[in-house]
Structure formats: structure tokens, C-alpha cells
Protein backbone atom coordinates (compact mmCIF):
# COMPACT_ATOMS: atom_id res chain seq x y z
CA MET A 1 98.15 85.78 96.31
CA LEU A 2 95.85 85.00 98.98
CA GLY A 3 93.75 83.36 96.89
CA HIS A 4 89.96 82.39 97.26
CA SER A 5 90.02 78.78 98.48
CA GLU A 6 87.02 77.86 101.19
CA ARG A 7 89.50 78.26 103.45
CA GLU A 8 90.17 81.37 102.52
CA ILE A 9 86.93 82.69 102.15
CA GLU A 10 86.03 81.69 105.44
CA ARG A 11 88.83 83.46 106.83
CA LEU A 12 87.78 86.64 104.76
CA LYS A 13 84.13 86.33 106.65
CA GLY A 14 85.78 86.00 110.30
CA GLN A 15 88.27 89.50 109.09
CA ALA A 16 85.18 91.25 108.64
CA ARG A 17 84.05 90.62 112.06
CA LEU A 18 86.59 92.37 113.18
CA ILE A 19 87.34 95.06 110.45
CA ASP A 20 83.84 95.91 109.28
CA PRO A 21 83.07 98.45 112.21
CA ILE A 22 86.36 100.67 110.68
CA THR A 23 85.66 100.21 107.06
CA LYS A 24 82.09 101.29 108.27
CA ARG A 25 83.48 104.37 110.16
CA PHE A 26 85.19 105.06 107.37
CA PHE A 27 82.48 104.88 104.78
CA LEU A 28 79.88 107.07 106.40
CA ALA A 29 83.03 109.95 107.26
CA ALA A 30 83.28 109.53 103.36
CA GLY A 31 79.89 110.27 102.53
CA ILE A 32 78.55 107.45 101.81
CA GLY A 33 74.77 107.38 102.44
CA ALA A 34 70.97 106.29 101.86
CA GLY A 35 69.38 105.57 98.99
CA MET A 36 72.96 105.67 97.04
CA ARG A 37 73.80 103.42 94.19
CA VAL A 38 77.44 102.06 94.73
CA LEU A 39 80.30 99.70 93.24
CA ASP A 40 82.11 97.79 95.06
CA VAL A 41 85.58 96.62 94.06
CA GLY A 42 87.09 93.23 94.36
CA SER A 43 83.92 92.23 96.25
CA GLY A 44 85.45 89.17 97.46
CA ALA A 45 83.04 87.04 99.50
CA GLY A 46 80.74 89.80 99.59
CA ASP A 47 81.54 91.02 102.92
CA VAL A 48 82.33 94.97 101.52
CA ALA A 49 79.33 94.91 99.58
CA PHE A 50 77.06 93.53 102.29
CA LEU A 51 77.94 96.22 104.67
CA THR A 52 77.78 99.12 102.20
CA SER A 53 73.55 97.85 101.58
CA ASP A 54 72.97 98.36 104.82
CA ILE A 55 74.51 101.72 105.09
CA VAL A 56 72.29 102.69 101.55
CA GLY A 57 69.05 100.75 102.76
CA ALA A 58 66.42 99.93 100.71
CA GLY A 59 66.47 102.97 98.42
CA GLY A 60 70.13 102.63 97.22
CA MET A 61 71.86 99.44 95.25
CA VAL A 62 75.38 97.53 95.32
CA VAL A 63 77.16 96.23 92.76
CA GLY A 64 80.06 94.19 93.74
CA ALA A 65 82.38 92.88 91.01
CA ASP A 66 85.42 90.33 90.99
CA ARG A 67 87.61 88.97 88.62
CA VAL A 68 87.55 85.07 90.28
CA PRO A 69 84.12 83.20 89.74
CA THR A 70 84.57 81.49 92.84
CA ALA A 71 84.21 84.34 94.80
CA VAL A 72 81.19 86.04 92.66
CA GLN A 73 79.18 82.96 93.18
CA VAL A 74 79.77 82.40 96.92
CA ALA A 75 79.13 86.23 97.48
CA ARG A 76 75.76 85.74 95.10
CA ASP A 77 74.90 82.50 97.85
CA ARG A 78 75.29 84.72 100.44
CA ALA A 79 73.25 87.25 99.12
CA GLY A 80 70.87 85.17 98.94
CA ALA A 81 70.19 83.23 102.08
CA ARG A 82 69.99 86.69 103.52
CA SER A 83 67.11 87.95 100.61
CA LEU A 84 68.72 90.96 100.17
CA LYS A 85 67.37 92.59 97.80
CA ASN A 86 69.81 95.62 97.10
CA VAL A 87 72.49 93.98 96.55
CA SER A 88 73.83 92.42 92.85
CA PHE A 89 77.54 90.84 91.50
CA VAL A 90 79.15 90.83 88.39
CA GLU A 91 82.19 88.72 87.23
CA GLY A 92 84.90 91.00 85.53
CA ASP A 93 87.55 93.39 85.89
CA PRO A 94 85.91 96.17 88.09
CA ALA A 95 87.97 99.16 86.41
CA GLU A 96 87.41 97.32 83.16
CA LEU A 97 83.51 96.36 83.29
CA THR A 98 80.79 98.72 81.24
CA PHE A 99 77.68 100.00 83.55
CA ASP A 100 74.71 101.37 81.86
CA GLN A 101 74.52 104.55 84.32
CA PRO A 102 77.49 106.29 86.78
CA PHE A 103 77.49 105.56 90.38
CA ASP A 104 77.13 107.94 93.29
CA ALA A 105 80.49 106.23 94.83
CA VAL A 106 82.96 103.60 94.36
CA VAL A 107 84.22 102.03 97.35
CA GLY A 108 86.93 99.16 97.92
CA ARG A 109 88.98 97.45 101.02
CA TYR A 110 92.12 95.46 100.30
CA VAL A 111 92.08 96.04 96.79
CA LEU A 112 94.52 98.41 95.27
CA GLN A 113 97.60 96.76 97.59
CA PHE A 114 97.43 94.14 95.27
CA GLN A 115 97.80 95.70 91.30
CA ARG A 116 100.75 96.63 89.73
CA GLU A 117 99.53 100.04 88.51
CA PRO A 118 97.12 101.16 91.64
CA GLU A 119 96.98 104.67 90.23
CA VAL A 120 95.72 103.18 86.40
CA MET A 121 92.99 101.53 88.20
CA LEU A 122 91.73 104.18 90.33
CA GLN A 123 91.69 106.57 87.19
CA LYS A 124 89.52 104.09 85.80
CA LEU A 125 86.78 103.36 88.48
CA ALA A 126 86.74 107.18 89.19
CA ALA A 127 85.46 107.19 85.64
CA LYS A 128 82.15 105.82 86.60
CA VAL A 129 81.41 107.75 89.29
CA ARG A 130 79.04 110.51 88.47
CA ARG A 131 79.94 114.42 88.95
CA GLY A 132 80.30 115.14 92.72
CA GLY A 133 80.18 111.33 93.87
CA VAL A 134 82.64 109.89 96.16
CA VAL A 135 85.44 107.42 95.68
CA VAL A 136 86.99 105.85 98.98
CA PHE A 137 89.12 102.97 99.65
CA HIS A 138 90.39 101.47 102.56
CA GLU A 139 94.07 99.84 102.81
CA ILE A 140 96.23 98.49 105.17
CA ASP A 141 99.53 99.42 106.27
CA TRP A 142 102.08 96.19 107.59
CA GLY A 143 103.94 98.97 109.03
CA GLY A 144 101.20 99.17 111.87
CA LEU A 145 102.28 96.36 113.46
CA SER A 146 103.75 96.33 116.44
CA SER A 147 103.53 95.27 120.66
CA PHE A 148 104.89 96.84 123.61
CA PRO A 149 106.15 95.44 126.08
CA PRO A 150 107.52 93.37 122.97
CA VAL A 151 105.77 90.09 122.10
CA PRO A 152 108.91 88.17 120.02
CA SER A 153 106.60 85.64 118.45
CA TYR A 154 103.85 88.16 117.39
CA ASP A 155 106.70 90.61 115.90
CA GLN A 156 108.33 87.79 113.68
CA CYS A 157 105.10 86.94 112.78
CA ALA A 158 104.61 90.36 110.98
CA ARG A 159 108.07 90.54 109.72
CA TRP A 160 107.97 86.73 107.79
CA GLY A 161 104.40 88.28 106.78
CA ALA A 162 105.37 91.47 105.24
CA GLU A 163 108.52 90.06 103.85
CA ALA A 164 106.91 86.71 102.08
CA MET A 165 104.10 90.05 100.61
CA CYS A 166 106.83 92.18 99.49
CA LEU A 167 108.24 89.08 97.80
CA HIS A 168 105.58 88.33 95.73
CA GLY A 169 105.07 92.13 94.35
CA THR A 170 102.36 92.84 96.92
CA GLU A 171 102.34 96.85 98.29
CA THR A 172 102.74 96.03 101.98
CA ARG A 173 102.41 99.78 102.61
CA MET A 174 99.27 100.54 100.54
CA GLY A 175 97.92 102.68 103.40
CA SER A 176 100.34 105.05 103.47
CA ARG A 177 101.14 105.25 99.43
CA LEU A 178 96.67 106.13 99.47
CA HIS A 179 97.52 109.79 99.30
CA ALA A 180 100.44 109.51 96.31
CA THR A 181 98.25 107.11 94.29
CA PHE A 182 94.98 109.53 93.86
CA ILE A 183 97.15 112.53 92.90
CA ALA A 184 99.03 109.81 90.31
CA ALA A 185 95.26 109.16 89.37
CA GLY A 186 94.48 112.56 88.58
CA LEU A 187 92.13 112.94 91.59
CA PRO A 188 92.36 115.94 94.11
CA ASP A 189 94.14 115.98 97.47
CA PRO A 190 91.88 112.69 99.47
CA THR A 191 90.97 112.80 103.10
CA LEU A 192 92.90 110.53 105.01
CA GLN A 193 91.88 108.51 107.92
CA LEU A 194 93.97 106.16 110.13
CA GLU A 195 92.79 103.00 112.33
CA ALA A 196 94.17 100.26 113.97
CA LEU A 197 93.00 97.36 116.23
CA ALA A 198 94.88 97.82 119.62
CA VAL A 199 94.20 94.78 121.66
CA GLY A 200 95.34 93.07 125.39
CA GLY A 201 94.72 90.39 127.96
CA MET A 202 92.02 88.32 126.65
CA GLU A 203 90.83 90.42 124.15
CA SER A 204 93.59 89.96 122.47
CA ILE A 205 92.42 86.17 121.38
CA SER A 206 90.31 87.16 118.45
CA TRP A 207 92.74 89.12 116.79
CA LEU A 208 96.05 86.35 116.88
CA ARG A 209 93.32 84.29 115.77
CA SER A 210 92.30 86.33 112.81
CA PHE A 211 96.21 87.06 112.40
CA LYS A 212 97.22 83.32 112.49
CA ASP A 213 94.84 82.33 109.78
CA LEU A 214 96.32 85.39 107.59
CA ILE A 215 100.01 83.61 108.49
CA VAL A 216 98.36 80.35 107.46
CA THR A 217 97.08 81.45 104.12
CA LEU A 218 100.62 82.86 103.62
CA LEU A 219 102.70 79.73 105.00
CA PRO A 220 103.21 78.00 101.33
CA GLU A 221 104.55 81.63 99.88
CA ILE A 222 106.76 82.14 103.46
CA GLU A 223 108.33 78.87 102.43
CA ARG A 224 108.81 79.22 98.52
CA PHE A 225 110.51 82.60 99.17
CA GLY A 226 112.92 80.71 101.59
CA VAL A 227 111.48 83.42 104.46
CA ALA A 228 110.64 80.76 107.34
CA SER A 229 110.03 77.01 107.16
CA ALA A 230 106.92 75.61 108.36
CA SER A 231 108.41 74.22 111.83
CA GLU A 232 109.43 77.71 112.38
CA VAL A 233 106.19 79.45 112.19
CA GLY A 234 105.02 76.61 113.95
CA VAL A 235 100.57 77.38 113.30
CA GLU A 236 99.85 74.72 115.50
CA THR A 237 100.90 76.65 118.73
CA LEU A 238 101.33 80.17 117.26
CA VAL A 239 98.15 81.58 119.05
CA GLU A 240 99.12 80.12 122.38
CA ARG A 241 103.05 81.32 122.27
CA MET A 242 101.79 85.00 121.44
CA SER A 243 99.12 84.70 123.62
CA THR A 244 101.03 83.70 126.20
CA GLU A 245 104.07 86.10 125.74
CA ALA A 246 101.76 88.65 125.60
CA ARG A 247 99.82 87.87 129.02
CA ALA A 248 103.62 87.59 130.78
CA SER A 249 104.26 91.42 129.85
CA SER A 250 100.80 92.59 130.27
CA SER A 251 101.90 93.79 126.25
CA VAL A 252 99.27 95.53 123.63
CA LEU A 253 99.42 94.53 120.22
CA ILE A 254 98.92 96.92 117.72
CA GLY A 255 97.29 95.40 114.14
CA HIS A 256 97.95 96.61 110.69
CA HIS A 257 97.14 100.53 110.42
CA GLN A 258 93.86 100.70 108.63
CA PHE A 259 94.01 103.71 106.30
CA ALA A 260 91.26 104.86 104.46
CA ALA A 261 91.30 107.82 101.63
CA TRP A 262 88.28 109.59 99.97
CA VAL A 263 87.56 112.60 97.23
CA ARG A 264 84.54 114.11 95.45
CA VAL A 265 85.10 113.82 91.66
């Protein structure tokens, strides 16, 4: 749904700067460590693969897999610019690709929410992990977006975005569905962890800009499904309006709930 345009890839890079610290804490808690060979599922522009490469170090290896040729090439170019030797990227469906040896871990961020049968994908991916290896996925839950005292423009955009994604067929509550998905995939009860961005005052600007960029990406679908018009959304002044409302009531803004689930297989 979000595509892989140049603008969207730039949005993903900005998103990563906010979310990578959370993902890193999840991966470390799950047992991703030095020297491991890891498959990064739906690697996109490569941010999760780069984060993981820092964790596994020079003695480890990360293979990023994505179905979209444009994304794979961007990730390869970025890896080359960083002179990374422990990261590579392959094109194809990660669940269907074959590899010469099993992985120590499979990881993914914001991937399962876009799958029609996430449990089927998860089951196939788990089969690529050695005995005792780790499967860990980081997914979001739109149900976590909130403000207090209420910031009307922020809360309205959250509803518009979630509705458009639901109408498109995306699972907006994937974070909360992770436990059921792991069980449906035939895996043991996963360990779950939850974090969320919570910001107020001037510290909220980075998050509001990131949130606005997501709404811009979703806007064609928001309009196509009749959820709201471009004039109603008003992206040109959206950050200013949300920020002004939040400051007027000294509100706290809560971002998407960030869930992780992991098991050893």
C-alpha cells in the first residue's frame, strides 16, 4: 500500500531514525547477538538490516530480502556507501527464497501487517531458522495512537489513516495480533514486548513531522476510499495545526504501539 517511491524511501529513512532505538531493544531482548547469521524480511531501504548488522558485528552476516527491485537496489547502494561487508540484499519473496544454509535468526519490522496470510508467511520463514534459533517480528498497532488532553487534529488524522489502511486490507492491529499469528503458524507462545513514543512540547515536532509524512503517503488512498478530502486533511499546515493544539493544552502525544514477539524454534 505504501509503495517504494523515492519520497516514500526518504520517509522510511526518517521513520527509522525515530524507531530504530525501539527495534534495537526488541532484537537484543530476543537474543540477536554478535556473530549471528540473520535474514531480514521485507528489508525495504535497508534500515533494519543496517541496525541488525551493527548488532551481529563483523563476525556475523545479515541478508536482506525484498520483493521490490527498486528497494533492493536502494538498499545495496546505501550499504555500498557505508562500506558494509556484513550485509547483502536479495530480490524475491523472503518466504519462498531458498538459501544454502539455515539462519540463526529471522527478523522483520512492519512486514506481517501487509500479508493476507501472515501466519503462513511466518511458518515458512521459521523453517529457515536452525534449531534453537530466533524468530522476532516488530509490528505496530494503530490502536495506540492517542493524545491527552485531546489534540483534535492529531486524533482525526489517526482515525483517517487507520480507516484507509483497513479499507485497503492492511491489518492495523497487527501488533496485538502477533501472539495469535505465532500460534497459528505452529510456533510456541511468543514473548511479547510493548513500547510507544510519548512526546510533548517542542520534543513532539520530530514525531509530528514523521506522522504527517505518513499521512501524505496515505492521502491518495484516504481520498480514493472517500475517508476524507485533501482539503480536509490540509497537509500543508498539518504539523503547525497539530503542534499548536498540543501546546495550547500541554498535551502528550502517543505514537503507534510498537509490539515485538519472539520465540526460539
